[in-house]
PDB file of N, CA and C in Angstrom:
ATOM      1  N   UNK A   1       0.835  -1.194   0.000  1.00  0.00           N
ATOM      2  CA  UNK A   1       0.000   0.000   0.000  1.00  0.00           C
ATOM      3  C   UNK A   1       0.875   1.252   0.000  1.00  0.00           C
ATOM      4  N   UNK A   2       0.459   2.288  -0.729  1.00  0.00           N
ATOM      5  CA  UNK A   2       1.227   3.532  -0.680  1.00  0.00           C
ATOM      6  C   UNK A   2       1.027   4.238   0.663  1.00  0.00           C
ATOM      7  N   UNK A   3       2.006   5.066   1.005  1.00  0.00           N
ATOM      8  CA  UNK A   3       1.913   5.813   2.258  1.00  0.00           C
ATOM      9  C   UNK A   3       0.887   6.924   2.135  1.00  0.00           C
ATOM     10  N   UNK A   4       0.252   7.287   3.260  1.00  0.00           N
ATOM     11  CA  UNK A   4      -0.660   8.421   3.294  1.00  0.00           C
ATOM     12  C   UNK A   4       0.152   9.697   3.460  1.00  0.00           C
ATOM     13  N   UNK A   5      -0.104  10.668   2.613  1.00  0.00           N
ATOM     14  CA  UNK A   5       0.634  11.920   2.661  1.00  0.00           C
ATOM     15  C   UNK A   5      -0.141  12.957   3.469  1.00  0.00           C
ATOM     16  N   UNK A   6       0.583  13.731   4.260  1.00  0.00           N
ATOM     17  CA  UNK A   6      -0.012  14.808   5.042  1.00  0.00           C
ATOM     18  C   UNK A   6      -0.069  16.063   4.192  1.00  0.00           C
ATOM     19  N   UNK A   7      -1.196  16.769   4.222  1.00  0.00           N
ATOM     20  CA  UNK A   7      -1.336  18.040   3.532  1.00  0.00           C
ATOM     21  C   UNK A   7      -0.616  19.098   4.357  1.00  0.00           C
ATOM     22  N   UNK A   8       0.469  19.673   3.808  1.00  0.00           N
ATOM     23  CA  UNK A   8       1.334  20.558   4.588  1.00  0.00           C
ATOM     24  C   UNK A   8       0.634  21.858   4.983  1.00  0.00           C
ATOM     25  N   UNK A   9      -0.288  22.353   4.142  1.00  0.00           N
ATOM     26  CA  UNK A   9      -1.028  23.556   4.496  1.00  0.00           C
ATOM     27  C   UNK A   9      -1.945  23.316   5.680  1.00  0.00           C
ATOM     28  N   UNK A  10      -2.583  22.157   5.710  1.00  0.00           N
ATOM     29  CA  UNK A  10      -3.460  21.814   6.830  1.00  0.00           C
ATOM     30  C   UNK A  10      -2.648  21.551   8.086  1.00  0.00           C
ATOM     31  N   UNK A  11      -1.459  20.991   7.921  1.00  0.00           N
ATOM     32  CA  UNK A  11      -0.605  20.707   9.074  1.00  0.00           C
ATOM     33  C   UNK A  11      -0.209  21.992   9.795  1.00  0.00           C
ATOM     34  N   UNK A  12       0.043  23.071   9.033  1.00  0.00           N
ATOM     35  CA  UNK A  12       0.454  24.321   9.663  1.00  0.00           C
ATOM     36  C   UNK A  12      -0.722  25.108  10.220  1.00  0.00           C
ATOM     37  N   UNK A  13      -1.922  24.886   9.702  1.00  0.00           N
ATOM     38  CA  UNK A  13      -3.082  25.669  10.137  1.00  0.00           C
ATOM     39  C   UNK A  13      -3.853  25.048  11.296  1.00  0.00           C
ATOM     40  N   UNK A  14      -3.782  23.734  11.435  1.00  0.00           N
ATOM     41  CA  UNK A  14      -4.576  23.037  12.445  1.00  0.00           C
ATOM     42  C   UNK A  14      -3.672  22.251  13.375  1.00  0.00           C
ATOM     43  N   UNK A  15      -4.060  22.197  14.639  1.00  0.00           N
ATOM     44  CA  UNK A  15      -3.335  21.404  15.629  1.00  0.00           C
ATOM     45  C   UNK A  15      -4.302  20.391  16.232  1.00  0.00           C
ATOM     46  N   UNK A  16      -3.808  19.183  16.475  1.00  0.00           N
ATOM     47  CA  UNK A  16      -4.633  18.149  17.076  1.00  0.00           C
ATOM     48  C   UNK A  16      -4.210  17.997  18.534  1.00  0.00           C
ATOM     49  N   UNK A  17      -5.172  18.084  19.454  1.00  0.00           N
ATOM     50  CA  UNK A  17      -4.879  17.977  20.872  1.00  0.00           C
ATOM     51  C   UNK A  17      -4.706  16.515  21.259  1.00  0.00           C
ATOM     52  N   UNK A  18      -4.328  16.300  22.496  1.00  0.00           N
ATOM     53  CA  UNK A  18      -4.148  14.945  22.972  1.00  0.00           C
ATOM     54  C   UNK A  18      -5.434  14.161  23.026  1.00  0.00           C
ATOM     55  N   UNK A  19      -6.561  14.866  23.195  1.00  0.00           N
ATOM     56  CA  UNK A  19      -7.856  14.193  23.249  1.00  0.00           C
ATOM     57  C   UNK A  19      -8.475  14.003  21.873  1.00  0.00           C
ATOM     58  N   UNK A  20      -7.813  14.526  20.818  1.00  0.00           N
ATOM     59  CA  UNK A  20      -8.303  14.313  19.460  1.00  0.00           C
ATOM     60  C   UNK A  20      -9.079  15.475  18.875  1.00  0.00           C
ATOM     61  N   UNK A  21      -9.191  16.592  19.605  1.00  0.00           N
ATOM     62  CA  UNK A  21      -9.872  17.763  19.051  1.00  0.00           C
ATOM     63  C   UNK A  21      -8.970  18.420  18.012  1.00  0.00           C
ATOM     64  N   UNK A  22      -9.581  18.985  16.981  1.00  0.00           N
ATOM     65  CA  UNK A  22      -8.835  19.728  15.976  1.00  0.00           C
ATOM     66  C   UNK A  22      -9.051  21.213  16.263  1.00  0.00           C
ATOM     67  N   UNK A  23      -7.958  21.916  16.543  1.00  0.00           N
ATOM     68  CA  UNK A  23      -8.030  23.322  16.914  1.00  0.00           C
ATOM     69  C   UNK A  23      -7.556  24.175  15.747  1.00  0.00           C
ATOM     70  N   UNK A  24      -8.119  25.384  15.649  1.00  0.00           N
ATOM     71  CA  UNK A  24      -7.733  26.306  14.586  1.00  0.00           C
ATOM     72  C   UNK A  24      -7.553  27.705  15.168  1.00  0.00           C
ATOM     73  N   UNK A  25      -6.873  28.572  14.408  1.00  0.00           N
ATOM     74  CA  UNK A  25      -6.648  29.954  14.806  1.00  0.00           C
ATOM     75  C   UNK A  25      -7.713  30.812  14.131  1.00  0.00           C
ATOM     76  N   UNK A  26      -8.124  31.889  14.789  1.00  0.00           N
ATOM     77  CA  UNK A  26      -9.114  32.793  14.208  1.00  0.00           C
ATOM     78  C   UNK A  26      -8.527  33.547  13.022  1.00  0.00           C
ATOM     79  N   UNK A  27      -9.409  34.144  12.226  1.00  0.00           N
ATOM     80  CA  UNK A  27      -9.047  34.696  10.937  1.00  0.00           C
ATOM     81  C   UNK A  27      -8.142  35.907  10.860  1.00  0.00           C
ATOM     82  N   UNK A  28      -8.659  37.152  10.930  1.00  0.00           N
ATOM     83  CA  UNK A  28      -7.806  38.328  10.656  1.00  0.00           C
ATOM     84  C   UNK A  28      -6.892  38.633  11.831  1.00  0.00           C
ATOM     85  N   UNK A  29      -5.880  37.804  12.018  1.00  0.00           N
ATOM     86  CA  UNK A  29      -5.079  37.860  13.237  1.00  0.00           C
ATOM     87  C   UNK A  29      -4.038  38.973  13.218  1.00  0.00           C
ATOM     88  N   UNK A  30      -3.391  39.207  12.111  1.00  0.00           N
ATOM     89  CA  UNK A  30      -2.237  40.097  12.140  1.00  0.00           C
ATOM     90  C   UNK A  30      -2.438  41.411  11.372  1.00  0.00           C
ATOM     91  N   UNK A  31      -3.350  41.451  10.437  1.00  0.00           N
ATOM     92  CA  UNK A  31      -3.472  42.634   9.576  1.00  0.00           C
ATOM     93  C   UNK A  31      -4.140  43.771  10.342  1.00  0.00           C
ATOM     94  N   UNK A  32      -3.446  44.925  10.449  1.00  0.00           N
ATOM     95  CA  UNK A  32      -3.931  46.115  11.166  1.00  0.00           C
ATOM     96  C   UNK A  32      -4.308  45.793  12.620  1.00  0.00           C
ATOM     97  N   UNK A  33      -3.475  45.017  13.257  1.00  0.00           N
ATOM     98  CA  UNK A  33      -3.797  44.545  14.602  1.00  0.00           C
ATOM     99  C   UNK A  33      -3.727  45.661  15.648  1.00  0.00           C
ATOM    100  N   UNK A  34      -2.836  46.634  15.470  1.00  0.00           N
ATOM    101  CA  UNK A  34      -2.674  47.686  16.468  1.00  0.00           C
ATOM    102  C   UNK A  34      -3.897  48.593  16.566  1.00  0.00           C
ATOM    103  N   UNK A  35      -4.683  48.673  15.510  1.00  0.00           N
ATOM    104  CA  UNK A  35      -5.870  49.525  15.524  1.00  0.00           C
ATOM    105  C   UNK A  35      -7.076  48.847  16.147  1.00  0.00           C
ATOM    106  N   UNK A  36      -6.944  47.566  16.435  1.00  0.00           N
ATOM    107  CA  UNK A  36      -8.055  46.835  17.036  1.00  0.00           C
ATOM    108  C   UNK A  36      -8.023  47.004  18.552  1.00  0.00           C
ATOM    109  N   UNK A  37      -9.147  46.775  19.189  1.00  0.00           N
ATOM    110  CA  UNK A  37      -9.235  46.921  20.639  1.00  0.00           C
ATOM    111  C   UNK A  37      -8.392  45.845  21.332  1.00  0.00           C
ATOM    112  N   UNK A  38      -7.965  46.147  22.539  1.00  0.00           N
ATOM    113  CA  UNK A  38      -7.102  45.223  23.271  1.00  0.00           C
ATOM    114  C   UNK A  38      -7.815  43.902  23.547  1.00  0.00           C
ATOM    115  N   UNK A  39      -9.111  43.976  23.828  1.00  0.00           N
ATOM    116  CA  UNK A  39      -9.902  42.767  24.077  1.00  0.00           C
ATOM    117  C   UNK A  39      -9.944  41.891  22.832  1.00  0.00           C
ATOM    118  N   UNK A  40     -10.082  42.497  21.677  1.00  0.00           N
ATOM    119  CA  UNK A  40     -10.135  41.756  20.415  1.00  0.00           C
ATOM    120  C   UNK A  40      -8.781  41.112  20.125  1.00  0.00           C
ATOM    121  N   UNK A  41      -7.697  41.850  20.412  1.00  0.00           N
ATOM    122  CA  UNK A  41      -6.360  41.303  20.178  1.00  0.00           C
ATOM    123  C   UNK A  41      -6.094  40.085  21.059  1.00  0.00           C
ATOM    124  N   UNK A  42      -6.588  40.126  22.285  1.00  0.00           N
ATOM    125  CA  UNK A  42      -6.431  38.972  23.177  1.00  0.00           C
ATOM    126  C   UNK A  42      -7.198  37.773  22.643  1.00  0.00           C
ATOM    127  N   UNK A  43      -8.365  38.006  22.081  1.00  0.00           N
ATOM    128  CA  UNK A  43      -9.181  36.906  21.573  1.00  0.00           C
ATOM    129  C   UNK A  43      -8.530  36.215  20.383  1.00  0.00           C
ATOM    130  N   UNK A  44      -7.733  36.953  19.593  1.00  0.00           N
ATOM    131  CA  UNK A  44      -7.070  36.353  18.441  1.00  0.00           C
ATOM    132  C   UNK A  44      -5.976  35.386  18.855  1.00  0.00           C
ATOM    133  N   UNK A  45      -5.459  35.496  20.086  1.00  0.00           N
ATOM    134  CA  UNK A  45      -4.387  34.618  20.534  1.00  0.00           C
ATOM    135  C   UNK A  45      -4.891  33.234  20.901  1.00  0.00           C
ATOM    136  N   UNK A  46      -6.191  33.091  21.112  1.00  0.00           N
ATOM    137  CA  UNK A  46      -6.754  31.807  21.516  1.00  0.00           C
ATOM    138  C   UNK A  46      -7.001  30.924  20.294  1.00  0.00           C
ATOM    139  N   UNK A  47      -6.850  29.635  20.484  1.00  0.00           N
ATOM    140  CA  UNK A  47      -7.225  28.683  19.453  1.00  0.00           C
ATOM    141  C   UNK A  47      -8.609  28.154  19.801  1.00  0.00           C
ATOM    142  N   UNK A  48      -9.455  27.974  18.790  1.00  0.00           N
ATOM    143  CA  UNK A  48     -10.809  27.487  19.030  1.00  0.00           C
ATOM    144  C   UNK A  48     -10.996  26.158  18.311  1.00  0.00           C
ATOM    145  N   UNK A  49     -11.972  25.409  18.775  1.00  0.00           N
ATOM    146  CA  UNK A  49     -12.218  24.086  18.209  1.00  0.00           C
ATOM    147  C   UNK A  49     -12.877  24.208  16.843  1.00  0.00           C
ATOM    148  N   UNK A  50     -12.523  23.299  15.964  1.00  0.00           N
ATOM    149  CA  UNK A  50     -13.066  23.277  14.611  1.00  0.00           C
ATOM    150  C   UNK A  50     -14.528  22.835  14.635  1.00  0.00           C
ATOM    151  N   UNK A  51     -15.315  23.320  13.681  1.00  0.00           N
ATOM    152  CA  UNK A  51     -16.707  22.896  13.576  1.00  0.00           C
ATOM    153  C   UNK A  51     -16.797  21.407  13.280  1.00  0.00           C
ATOM    154  N   UNK A  52     -17.851  20.780  13.767  1.00  0.00           N
ATOM    155  CA  UNK A  52     -18.016  19.343  13.558  1.00  0.00           C
ATOM    156  C   UNK A  52     -18.210  19.013  12.085  1.00  0.00           C
ATOM    157  N   UNK A  53     -18.774  19.952  11.317  1.00  0.00           N
ATOM    158  CA  UNK A  53     -19.003  19.686   9.900  1.00  0.00           C
ATOM    159  C   UNK A  53     -17.687  19.646   9.113  1.00  0.00           C
ATOM    160  N   UNK A  54     -16.652  20.354   9.595  1.00  0.00           N
ATOM    161  CA  UNK A  54     -15.362  20.377   8.904  1.00  0.00           C
ATOM    162  C   UNK A  54     -14.392  19.334   9.435  1.00  0.00           C
ATOM    163  N   UNK A  55     -14.709  18.704  10.555  1.00  0.00           N
ATOM    164  CA  UNK A  55     -13.766  17.814  11.222  1.00  0.00           C
ATOM    165  C   UNK A  55     -13.384  16.614  10.347  1.00  0.00           C
ATOM    166  N   UNK A  56     -14.344  16.023   9.659  1.00  0.00           N
ATOM    167  CA  UNK A  56     -14.075  14.845   8.825  1.00  0.00           C
ATOM    168  C   UNK A  56     -13.162  15.213   7.654  1.00  0.00           C
ATOM    169  N   UNK A  57     -13.422  16.363   7.050  1.00  0.00           N
ATOM    170  CA  UNK A  57     -12.649  16.806   5.887  1.00  0.00           C
ATOM    171  C   UNK A  57     -11.194  17.108   6.271  1.00  0.00           C
ATOM    172  N   UNK A  58     -11.006  17.786   7.395  1.00  0.00           N
ATOM    173  CA  UNK A  58      -9.652  18.151   7.810  1.00  0.00           C
ATOM    174  C   UNK A  58      -8.893  16.937   8.325  1.00  0.00           C
ATOM    175  N   UNK A  59      -9.594  16.010   8.982  1.00  0.00           N
ATOM    176  CA  UNK A  59      -8.900  14.830   9.487  1.00  0.00           C
ATOM    177  C   UNK A  59      -8.395  13.948   8.355  1.00  0.00           C
ATOM    178  N   UNK A  60      -9.000  14.037   7.189  1.00  0.00           N
ATOM    179  CA  UNK A  60      -8.476  13.319   6.016  1.00  0.00           C
ATOM    180  C   UNK A  60      -7.175  13.946   5.513  1.00  0.00           C
ATOM    181  N   UNK A  61      -7.059  15.273   5.675  1.00  0.00           N
ATOM    182  CA  UNK A  61      -5.849  15.965   5.232  1.00  0.00           C
ATOM    183  C   UNK A  61      -4.681  15.714   6.182  1.00  0.00           C
ATOM    184  N   UNK A  62      -5.005  15.429   7.462  1.00  0.00           N
ATOM    185  CA  UNK A  62      -3.966  15.133   8.455  1.00  0.00           C
ATOM    186  C   UNK A  62      -4.193  13.701   8.918  1.00  0.00           C
ATOM    187  N   UNK A  63      -3.794  12.701   8.142  1.00  0.00           N
ATOM    188  CA  UNK A  63      -4.197  11.319   8.438  1.00  0.00           C
ATOM    189  C   UNK A  63      -3.579  10.742   9.698  1.00  0.00           C
ATOM    190  N   UNK A  64      -2.358  11.110  10.022  1.00  0.00           N
ATOM    191  CA  UNK A  64      -1.691  10.484  11.157  1.00  0.00           C
ATOM    192  C   UNK A  64      -1.728  11.327  12.423  1.00  0.00           C
ATOM    193  N   UNK A  65      -2.515  12.399  12.425  1.00  0.00           N
ATOM    194  CA  UNK A  65      -2.591  13.255  13.597  1.00  0.00           C
ATOM    195  C   UNK A  65      -1.272  13.949  13.869  1.00  0.00           C
ATOM    196  N   UNK A  66      -0.686  14.527  12.833  1.00  0.00           N
ATOM    197  CA  UNK A  66       0.619  15.152  12.960  1.00  0.00           C
ATOM    198  C   UNK A  66       0.510  16.379  13.856  1.00  0.00           C
ATOM    199  N   UNK A  67       1.489  16.574  14.736  1.00  0.00           N
ATOM    200  CA  UNK A  67       1.458  17.725  15.645  1.00  0.00           C
ATOM    201  C   UNK A  67       1.752  18.986  14.886  1.00  0.00           C
TER     202      UNK A  67
END
């Protein structure tokens, strides 16, 4: 059988936790960040869990649960 290849773009954008959750970073994180409110800037630093509808699609791109 051929080896399963990891999608490198998905590997850099998503992280898999020890419990198997797929975490992602919020969108407009760096562009014009200084003009945003301090509360908003703090919220961009957090990683949030991926939607359940996207979980199957992204888990196919990261087959071995690469860190």
